[in-house]
């Protein structure tokens, strides 16, 4: 594994850190990762006693 591959792995780990709901999308060209996208979702929990509260923690 070369230095460039290790750099991408580190970036992926950083994108995954703290992600509760969402996705990580890797774009690969010619066998190499060229782009990483992180989509995070905030989910609202239904409750009969109080208004919906976001579940995202930061």
Protein backbone atom coordinates (compact mmCIF):
# COMPACT_ATOMS: atom_id res chain seq x y z
CA UNK A 1 0.00 0.00 0.00
CA UNK A 2 1.47 3.35 -1.00
CA UNK A 3 1.29 6.71 0.83
CA UNK A 4 -1.61 7.95 -1.33
CA UNK A 5 -3.70 4.90 -0.38
CA UNK A 6 -2.93 5.44 3.30
CA UNK A 7 -4.00 9.09 2.99
CA UNK A 8 -7.37 8.07 1.53
CA UNK A 9 -7.88 5.50 4.27
CA UNK A 10 -7.25 8.20 6.88
CA UNK A 11 -9.74 10.55 5.19
CA UNK A 12 -12.36 7.77 5.14
CA UNK A 13 -11.83 7.11 8.86
CA UNK A 14 -12.27 10.83 9.58
CA UNK A 15 -15.49 10.94 7.55
CA UNK A 16 -16.85 7.91 9.45
CA UNK A 17 -16.04 9.37 12.87
CA UNK A 18 -19.21 10.51 14.59
CA UNK A 19 -21.52 9.53 11.73
CA UNK A 20 -24.72 8.09 13.25
CA UNK A 21 -27.08 8.11 10.26
CA UNK A 22 -25.92 8.64 6.70
CA UNK A 23 -23.59 7.33 4.07
CA UNK A 24 -20.06 7.57 2.75
CA UNK A 25 -19.77 7.53 -1.05
CA UNK A 26 -16.45 6.66 -2.69
CA UNK A 27 -15.85 7.59 -6.34
CA UNK A 28 -13.26 5.38 -8.05
CA UNK A 29 -11.58 6.06 -11.42
CA UNK A 30 -9.16 3.54 -12.92
CA UNK A 31 -8.99 1.61 -9.64
CA UNK A 32 -8.17 4.65 -7.50
CA UNK A 33 -10.31 6.58 -5.04
CA UNK A 34 -10.66 10.11 -6.41
CA UNK A 35 -13.50 11.52 -4.29
CA UNK A 36 -15.24 10.92 -0.95
CA UNK A 37 -18.68 12.32 -0.09
CA UNK A 38 -20.32 12.22 3.34
CA UNK A 39 -24.08 12.60 3.66
CA UNK A 40 -25.41 12.92 7.19
CA UNK A 41 -29.06 12.62 8.14
CA UNK A 42 -30.82 13.90 11.22
CA UNK A 43 -33.68 11.67 12.30
CA UNK A 44 -36.60 12.86 14.35
CA UNK A 45 -37.99 10.47 16.93
CA UNK A 46 -41.74 10.38 17.44
CA UNK A 47 -42.89 10.93 21.01
CA UNK A 48 -46.39 11.37 22.41
CA UNK A 49 -45.30 13.61 25.32
CA UNK A 50 -42.94 16.09 23.68
CA UNK A 51 -42.20 17.57 20.24
CA UNK A 52 -39.86 15.76 17.85
CA UNK A 53 -36.25 16.14 18.87
CA UNK A 54 -33.27 15.64 16.55
CA UNK A 55 -31.11 12.61 17.34
CA UNK A 56 -27.91 14.02 15.86
CA UNK A 57 -25.17 14.46 18.45
CA UNK A 58 -22.25 16.81 17.80
